[in-house]
Every structure is written in structure tokens, then in C-alpha cells.
Amino acid sequence: MEQGTVIPLPSDYQLPAETDEFTHPIKQLDFEKRINLMRSIVRDMGAQ
């Protein structure tokens, strides 16, 4: 974390093609709606 790395990945790592299908609708939301969506997801997972 001190180096700014949360999860180390190889430099040539590429996300699966399905990732775009999942993230595209989220990227279309404005910032506040994205934050609210992420809060809802985390809350539903049981985090306080």
C-alpha cells in the first residue's frame, strides 16, 4: 500500500472482454450516482 499498489498485477495483464460489458453502464452514470451505486452494493454485502 505504501507504494500505491493495492493488488499487484503483471504489467501485461488484460481484463477479460466481459469486463467492458459490465463497467460500460456504470461509466455512463454521473459521479454522484456512481458513488451511490457503490455504497448500495457494499451495504447489501453487509459492510457498515
PDB file of N, CA and C in Angstrom:
ATOM      1  N   MET A   1       0.818  -1.187   0.000  1.00  0.00           N
ATOM      2  CA  MET A   1       0.000   0.000   0.000  1.00  0.00           C
ATOM      3  C   MET A   1       0.866   1.257   0.000  1.00  0.00           C
ATOM      4  N   GLU A   2       1.988   1.222   0.661  1.00  0.00           N
ATOM      5  CA  GLU A   2       2.857   2.390   0.706  1.00  0.00           C
ATOM      6  C   GLU A   2       3.322   2.792  -0.686  1.00  0.00           C
ATOM      7  N   GLN A   3       3.405   1.815  -1.579  1.00  0.00           N
ATOM      8  CA  GLN A   3       3.849   2.085  -2.942  1.00  0.00           C
ATOM      9  C   GLN A   3       2.687   2.454  -3.850  1.00  0.00           C
ATOM     10  N   GLY A   4       1.487   2.515  -3.317  1.00  0.00           N
ATOM     11  CA  GLY A   4       0.322   2.855  -4.111  1.00  0.00           C
ATOM     12  C   GLY A   4      -0.273   1.669  -4.847  1.00  0.00           C
ATOM     13  N   THR A   5       0.179   0.466  -4.516  1.00  0.00           N
ATOM     14  CA  THR A   5      -0.334  -0.742  -5.159  1.00  0.00           C
ATOM     15  C   THR A   5      -1.300  -1.440  -4.209  1.00  0.00           C
ATOM     16  N   VAL A   6      -2.510  -1.678  -4.685  1.00  0.00           N
ATOM     17  CA  VAL A   6      -3.483  -2.385  -3.856  1.00  0.00           C
ATOM     18  C   VAL A   6      -3.378  -3.879  -4.145  1.00  0.00           C
ATOM     19  N   ILE A   7      -3.432  -4.230  -5.419  1.00  0.00           N
ATOM     20  CA  ILE A   7      -3.292  -5.624  -5.835  1.00  0.00           C
ATOM     21  C   ILE A   7      -2.243  -5.670  -6.931  1.00  0.00           C
ATOM     22  N   PRO A   8      -1.100  -6.304  -6.692  1.00  0.00           N
ATOM     23  CA  PRO A   8      -0.075  -6.351  -7.723  1.00  0.00           C
ATOM     24  C   PRO A   8      -0.522  -7.216  -8.907  1.00  0.00           C
ATOM     25  N   LEU A   9      -0.375  -6.687 -10.112  1.00  0.00           N
ATOM     26  CA  LEU A   9      -0.720  -7.402 -11.336  1.00  0.00           C
ATOM     27  C   LEU A   9       0.467  -7.362 -12.288  1.00  0.00           C
ATOM     28  N   PRO A  10       0.619  -8.377 -13.108  1.00  0.00           N
ATOM     29  CA  PRO A  10       1.669  -8.329 -14.125  1.00  0.00           C
ATOM     30  C   PRO A  10       1.428  -7.146 -15.065  1.00  0.00           C
ATOM     31  N   SER A  11       2.479  -6.549 -15.582  1.00  0.00           N
ATOM     32  CA  SER A  11       2.349  -5.372 -16.444  1.00  0.00           C
ATOM     33  C   SER A  11       1.589  -5.680 -17.738  1.00  0.00           C
ATOM     34  N   ASP A  12       1.561  -6.940 -18.157  1.00  0.00           N
ATOM     35  CA  ASP A  12       0.868  -7.289 -19.399  1.00  0.00           C
ATOM     36  C   ASP A  12      -0.546  -7.839 -19.156  1.00  0.00           C
ATOM     37  N   TYR A  13      -1.050  -7.699 -17.936  1.00  0.00           N
ATOM     38  CA  TYR A  13      -2.383  -8.217 -17.606  1.00  0.00           C
ATOM     39  C   TYR A  13      -3.457  -7.439 -18.357  1.00  0.00           C
ATOM     40  N   GLN A  14      -4.429  -8.154 -18.912  1.00  0.00           N
ATOM     41  CA  GLN A  14      -5.570  -7.521 -19.563  1.00  0.00           C
ATOM     42  C   GLN A  14      -6.850  -8.089 -18.957  1.00  0.00           C
ATOM     43  N   LEU A  15      -7.803  -7.196 -18.719  1.00  0.00           N
ATOM     44  CA  LEU A  15      -9.084  -7.628 -18.178  1.00  0.00           C
ATOM     45  C   LEU A  15      -9.835  -8.449 -19.212  1.00  0.00           C
ATOM     46  N   PRO A  16     -10.665  -9.373 -18.769  1.00  0.00           N
ATOM     47  CA  PRO A  16     -11.490 -10.139 -19.703  1.00  0.00           C
ATOM     48  C   PRO A  16     -12.423  -9.211 -20.479  1.00  0.00           C
ATOM     49  N   ALA A  17     -12.805  -9.609 -21.671  1.00  0.00           N
ATOM     50  CA  ALA A  17     -13.675  -8.794 -22.527  1.00  0.00           C
ATOM     51  C   ALA A  17     -15.010  -8.503 -21.845  1.00  0.00           C
ATOM     52  N   GLU A  18     -15.504  -9.412 -21.028  1.00  0.00           N
ATOM     53  CA  GLU A  18     -16.778  -9.222 -20.332  1.00  0.00           C
ATOM     54  C   GLU A  18     -16.745  -8.038 -19.362  1.00  0.00           C
ATOM     55  N   THR A  19     -15.562  -7.633 -18.954  1.00  0.00           N
ATOM     56  CA  THR A  19     -15.434  -6.524 -18.017  1.00  0.00           C
ATOM     57  C   THR A  19     -16.031  -5.255 -18.605  1.00  0.00           C
ATOM     58  N   ASP A  20     -15.769  -4.996 -19.872  1.00  0.00           N
ATOM     59  CA  ASP A  20     -16.326  -3.811 -20.532  1.00  0.00           C
ATOM     60  C   ASP A  20     -17.848  -3.835 -20.530  1.00  0.00           C
ATOM     61  N   GLU A  21     -18.402  -4.995 -20.776  1.00  0.00           N
ATOM     62  CA  GLU A  21     -19.856  -5.148 -20.784  1.00  0.00           C
ATOM     63  C   GLU A  21     -20.443  -4.795 -19.409  1.00  0.00           C
ATOM     64  N   PHE A  22     -19.715  -5.147 -18.370  1.00  0.00           N
ATOM     65  CA  PHE A  22     -20.159  -4.880 -17.003  1.00  0.00           C
ATOM     66  C   PHE A  22     -19.958  -3.414 -16.620  1.00  0.00           C
ATOM     67  N   THR A  23     -18.809  -2.831 -16.964  1.00  0.00           N
ATOM     68  CA  THR A  23     -18.478  -1.488 -16.497  1.00  0.00           C
ATOM     69  C   THR A  23     -19.047  -0.359 -17.358  1.00  0.00           C
ATOM     70  N   HIS A  24     -19.351  -0.631 -18.616  1.00  0.00           N
ATOM     71  CA  HIS A  24     -19.818   0.436 -19.504  1.00  0.00           C
ATOM     72  C   HIS A  24     -21.040   1.180 -18.955  1.00  0.00           C
ATOM     73  N   PRO A  25     -22.095   0.472 -18.535  1.00  0.00           N
ATOM     74  CA  PRO A  25     -23.262   1.211 -17.999  1.00  0.00           C
ATOM     75  C   PRO A  25     -22.914   2.032 -16.751  1.00  0.00           C
ATOM     76  N   ILE A  26     -21.996   1.544 -15.941  1.00  0.00           N
ATOM     77  CA  ILE A  26     -21.603   2.279 -14.729  1.00  0.00           C
ATOM     78  C   ILE A  26     -20.847   3.545 -15.105  1.00  0.00           C
ATOM     79  N   LYS A  27     -19.992   3.465 -16.120  1.00  0.00           N
ATOM     80  CA  LYS A  27     -19.228   4.635 -16.568  1.00  0.00           C
ATOM     81  C   LYS A  27     -20.134   5.724 -17.113  1.00  0.00           C
ATOM     82  N   GLN A  28     -21.339   5.384 -17.546  1.00  0.00           N
ATOM     83  CA  GLN A  28     -22.271   6.370 -18.089  1.00  0.00           C
ATOM     84  C   GLN A  28     -22.950   7.188 -16.997  1.00  0.00           C
ATOM     85  N   LEU A  29     -22.911   6.717 -15.761  1.00  0.00           N
ATOM     86  CA  LEU A  29     -23.531   7.429 -14.645  1.00  0.00           C
ATOM     87  C   LEU A  29     -22.688   8.631 -14.249  1.00  0.00           C
ATOM     88  N   ASP A  30     -23.342   9.672 -13.736  1.00  0.00           N
ATOM     89  CA  ASP A  30     -22.551  10.788 -13.220  1.00  0.00           C
ATOM     90  C   ASP A  30     -21.914  10.358 -11.895  1.00  0.00           C
ATOM     91  N   PHE A  31     -20.975  11.147 -11.420  1.00  0.00           N
ATOM     92  CA  PHE A  31     -20.161  10.765 -10.263  1.00  0.00           C
ATOM     93  C   PHE A  31     -21.015  10.410  -9.048  1.00  0.00           C
ATOM     94  N   GLU A  32     -21.985  11.258  -8.721  1.00  0.00           N
ATOM     95  CA  GLU A  32     -22.804  11.020  -7.524  1.00  0.00           C
ATOM     96  C   GLU A  32     -23.576   9.706  -7.635  1.00  0.00           C
ATOM     97  N   LYS A  33     -24.100   9.406  -8.802  1.00  0.00           N
ATOM     98  CA  LYS A  33     -24.841   8.163  -8.985  1.00  0.00           C
ATOM     99  C   LYS A  33     -23.904   6.956  -8.899  1.00  0.00           C
ATOM    100  N   ARG A  34     -22.673   7.103  -9.375  1.00  0.00           N
ATOM    101  CA  ARG A  34     -21.698   6.007  -9.236  1.00  0.00           C
ATOM    102  C   ARG A  34     -21.423   5.723  -7.767  1.00  0.00           C
ATOM    103  N   ILE A  35     -21.199   6.790  -7.008  1.00  0.00           N
ATOM    104  CA  ILE A  35     -20.910   6.632  -5.573  1.00  0.00           C
ATOM    105  C   ILE A  35     -22.090   5.972  -4.873  1.00  0.00           C
ATOM    106  N   ASN A  36     -23.305   6.427  -5.182  1.00  0.00           N
ATOM    107  CA  ASN A  36     -24.493   5.834  -4.555  1.00  0.00           C
ATOM    108  C   ASN A  36     -24.634   4.363  -4.928  1.00  0.00           C
ATOM    109  N   LEU A  37     -24.347   4.023  -6.176  1.00  0.00           N
ATOM    110  CA  LEU A  37     -24.396   2.624  -6.600  1.00  0.00           C
ATOM    111  C   LEU A  37     -23.397   1.786  -5.803  1.00  0.00           C
ATOM    112  N   MET A  38     -22.164   2.261  -5.696  1.00  0.00           N
ATOM    113  CA  MET A  38     -21.138   1.503  -4.969  1.00  0.00           C
ATOM    114  C   MET A  38     -21.500   1.371  -3.490  1.00  0.00           C
ATOM    115  N   ARG A  39     -22.039   2.428  -2.901  1.00  0.00           N
ATOM    116  CA  ARG A  39     -22.476   2.346  -1.499  1.00  0.00           C
ATOM    117  C   ARG A  39     -23.575   1.304  -1.332  1.00  0.00           C
ATOM    118  N   SER A  40     -24.523   1.291  -2.256  1.00  0.00           N
ATOM    119  CA  SER A  40     -25.613   0.308  -2.202  1.00  0.00           C
ATOM    120  C   SER A  40     -25.085  -1.106  -2.291  1.00  0.00           C
ATOM    121  N   ILE A  41     -24.136  -1.322  -3.189  1.00  0.00           N
ATOM    122  CA  ILE A  41     -23.552  -2.658  -3.361  1.00  0.00           C
ATOM    123  C   ILE A  41     -22.857  -3.102  -2.088  1.00  0.00           C
ATOM    124  N   VAL A  42     -22.036  -2.219  -1.524  1.00  0.00           N
ATOM    125  CA  VAL A  42     -21.292  -2.551  -0.308  1.00  0.00           C
ATOM    126  C   VAL A  42     -22.252  -2.779   0.852  1.00  0.00           C
ATOM    127  N   ARG A  43     -23.258  -1.923   0.972  1.00  0.00           N
ATOM    128  CA  ARG A  43     -24.246  -2.086   2.048  1.00  0.00           C
ATOM    129  C   ARG A  43     -24.954  -3.429   1.932  1.00  0.00           C
ATOM    130  N   ASP A  44     -25.346  -3.787   0.716  1.00  0.00           N
ATOM    131  CA  ASP A  44     -26.040  -5.058   0.512  1.00  0.00           C
ATOM    132  C   ASP A  44     -25.141  -6.259   0.804  1.00  0.00           C
ATOM    133  N   MET A  45     -23.833  -6.053   0.747  1.00  0.00           N
ATOM    134  CA  MET A  45     -22.892  -7.131   1.059  1.00  0.00           C
ATOM    135  C   MET A  45     -22.668  -7.254   2.559  1.00  0.00           C
ATOM    136  N   GLY A  46     -23.230  -6.314   3.318  1.00  0.00           N
ATOM    137  CA  GLY A  46     -23.142  -6.421   4.771  1.00  0.00           C
ATOM    138  C   GLY A  46     -22.118  -5.523   5.408  1.00  0.00           C
ATOM    139  N   ALA A  47     -21.427  -4.684   4.639  1.00  0.00           N
ATOM    140  CA  ALA A  47     -20.448  -3.774   5.240  1.00  0.00           C
ATOM    141  C   ALA A  47     -21.179  -2.602   5.875  1.00  0.00           C
ATOM    142  N   GLN A  48     -20.659  -2.114   6.974  1.00  0.00           N
ATOM    143  CA  GLN A  48     -21.254  -0.968   7.664  1.00  0.00           C
ATOM    144  C   GLN A  48     -20.478   0.283   7.349  1.00  0.00           C
TER     145      GLN A  48
END
